Every structure is written in structure tokens, then in C-alpha cells.
Amino acid sequence: MTAHDLIARFPQIPPALRGHATLDRYASTFADLLGSAQKPSPCSASAPSRAHMAYLKLIGPLELVAIGLATKERALADMEALIARAEADRDGLIRELIPQGTPNQGGGCS
């Protein structure tokens, strides 16, 4: 996955982060998780799925830049830190991002 693919999938990624090499590395490093990530609905808050957790952990922090709760520099540094952790221990990082026992399908509205 490229940064262009990531932005096409999640247009809410703020313009301030677009065009940075870090975003392309982030997309490539986490392509498998980002490819299945899904923004949770309010109904899924009590039982998020793996796809929801991937979104919350990998895309959610980037959205904070768009609403002014994080700076571009902070988001880029956090992305670099996650990339470095994935390079050092990908399986351990994934277990931390998506805890064991997280269901494949989340709860929804009834």
C-alpha cells in the first residue's frame, strides 16, 4: 500500500501529513492492517473488532491533527516510532495494537 492508496481509502487523513515520506513508509509497513481497517460506528464501541482496533490505533491518531489536538510533527514522530517498533518486533507490536481475543467481527447496532 502506498500513501496515495492510504489517502484514497481514508480521505480523513489531514492534508498536513500528505506528501511526507513517513506516510508512505507507514502505509507500506502496516499495509495488511490498514487494508482491513474500518472506522467503528458508535454502536461498536462496546465490542470493537480487529478491523476497528486497527483503525483506532493507526488512523485515529492521525485524525487528531485535523481537529487540532495534535501537531503534524507529533503525528509524524509517532508514526516513525510505530514503524521502528514494527521493524524491531512486528508480532509484539501487533499483539499490543490488537489485543489477543479481539473478535474478527465487532458488535453492532440492533
Protein backbone atom coordinates (compact mmCIF):
# COMPACT_ATOMS: atom_id res chain seq x y z
CA MET A 1 0.00 0.00 0.00
CA THR A 2 1.27 3.47 -0.87
CA ALA A 3 0.45 6.76 0.81
CA HIS A 4 -1.79 7.54 -2.18
CA ASP A 5 -3.70 4.28 -1.61
CA LEU A 6 -3.97 5.05 2.10
CA ILE A 7 -5.34 8.55 1.47
CA ALA A 8 -7.81 7.18 -1.08
CA ARG A 9 -9.02 4.66 1.50
CA PHE A 10 -9.06 7.17 4.36
CA PRO A 11 -9.55 10.69 2.97
CA GLN A 12 -9.81 11.99 6.55
CA ILE A 13 -6.02 11.82 6.78
CA PRO A 14 -5.19 15.51 7.12
CA PRO A 15 -3.53 17.37 4.26
CA ALA A 16 -0.73 18.39 6.64
CA LEU A 17 0.52 14.78 6.65
CA ARG A 18 0.22 14.17 2.93
CA GLY A 19 3.36 14.20 0.85
CA HIS A 20 5.64 13.11 3.69
CA ALA A 21 7.87 10.09 3.15
CA THR A 22 6.86 8.93 6.62
CA LEU A 23 3.26 8.47 5.48
CA ASP A 24 4.40 6.29 2.58
CA ARG A 25 6.57 4.18 4.92
CA TYR A 26 3.67 3.94 7.37
CA ALA A 27 1.32 2.77 4.62
CA SER A 28 3.82 0.20 3.42
CA THR A 29 4.74 -1.06 6.90
CA PHE A 30 1.15 -1.51 8.04
CA ALA A 31 -0.46 -2.33 4.67
CA ASP A 32 -2.06 -5.54 5.92
CA LEU A 33 -3.68 -3.88 8.92
CA LEU A 34 -4.62 -0.69 7.07
CA GLY A 35 -6.13 -2.71 4.24
CA SER A 36 -8.64 -4.23 6.63
CA ALA A 37 -9.06 -1.25 8.98
CA GLN A 38 -12.58 0.03 9.41
CA LYS A 39 -13.83 3.12 11.24
CA PRO A 40 -16.03 1.92 14.09
CA SER A 41 -19.55 3.17 14.49
CA PRO A 42 -20.74 4.40 17.90
CA CYS A 43 -22.59 1.09 18.26
CA SER A 44 -19.36 -0.89 18.07
CA ALA A 45 -17.70 0.91 21.00
CA SER A 46 -18.56 -1.85 23.45
CA ALA A 47 -17.18 -4.65 21.28
CA PRO A 48 -14.69 -3.41 18.66
CA SER A 49 -13.44 -5.85 16.05
CA ARG A 50 -9.88 -6.34 14.81
CA ALA A 51 -10.66 -4.00 11.90
CA HIS A 52 -11.95 -1.36 14.30
CA MET A 53 -8.89 -1.65 16.54
CA ALA A 54 -6.58 -1.29 13.53
CA TYR A 55 -8.39 1.90 12.58
CA LEU A 56 -8.39 3.31 16.10
CA LYS A 57 -4.69 2.62 16.65
CA LEU A 58 -3.32 3.50 13.20
CA ILE A 59 -5.68 6.09 11.66
CA GLY A 60 -7.35 7.61 14.71
CA PRO A 61 -4.19 9.37 15.94
CA LEU A 62 -3.72 10.95 12.50
CA GLU A 63 -7.20 12.44 12.67
CA LEU A 64 -6.15 14.35 15.80
CA VAL A 65 -4.03 16.58 13.58
CA ALA A 66 -7.09 17.55 11.53
CA ILE A 67 -9.02 18.68 14.60
CA GLY A 68 -6.07 20.45 16.21
CA LEU A 69 -5.47 18.07 19.11
CA ALA A 70 -2.03 17.04 17.82
CA THR A 71 0.62 18.69 15.71
CA LYS A 72 1.88 17.43 12.40
CA GLU A 73 5.32 16.99 13.95
CA ARG A 74 3.92 14.89 16.80
CA ALA A 75 1.96 12.67 14.40
CA LEU A 76 5.00 12.14 12.17
CA ALA A 77 7.16 11.30 15.20
CA ASP A 78 4.55 8.84 16.47
CA MET A 79 4.32 7.23 13.03
CA GLU A 80 8.13 6.90 12.90
CA ALA A 81 8.11 5.31 16.35
CA LEU A 82 5.49 2.75 15.31
CA ILE A 83 7.47 1.95 12.15
CA ALA A 84 10.64 1.43 14.20
CA ARG A 85 8.79 -0.80 16.66
CA ALA A 86 7.33 -2.83 13.79
CA GLU A 87 10.81 -3.29 12.33
CA ALA A 88 12.13 -4.45 15.70
CA ASP A 89 9.25 -6.73 16.75
CA ARG A 90 6.29 -6.70 14.39
CA ASP A 91 4.41 -9.54 16.07
CA GLY A 92 4.77 -7.97 19.51
CA LEU A 93 3.57 -4.61 18.24
CA ILE A 94 0.55 -6.15 16.54
CA ARG A 95 -0.34 -8.02 19.74
CA GLU A 96 -0.18 -4.68 21.56
CA LEU A 97 -2.22 -2.79 18.96
CA ILE A 98 -4.83 -5.52 18.61
CA PRO A 99 -5.04 -7.46 21.87
CA GLN A 100 -5.43 -11.21 21.72
CA GLY A 101 -9.07 -12.20 21.91
CA THR A 102 -10.28 -9.20 19.89
CA PRO A 103 -13.08 -10.62 17.74
CA ASN A 104 -12.91 -10.63 13.96
CA GLN A 105 -16.43 -9.19 13.89
CA GLY A 106 -17.46 -6.40 16.21
CA GLY A 107 -20.75 -5.77 17.89
CA GLY A 108 -23.17 -3.54 16.09
CA CYS A 109 -26.43 -1.74 16.40
CA SER A 110 -29.51 -3.84 16.85
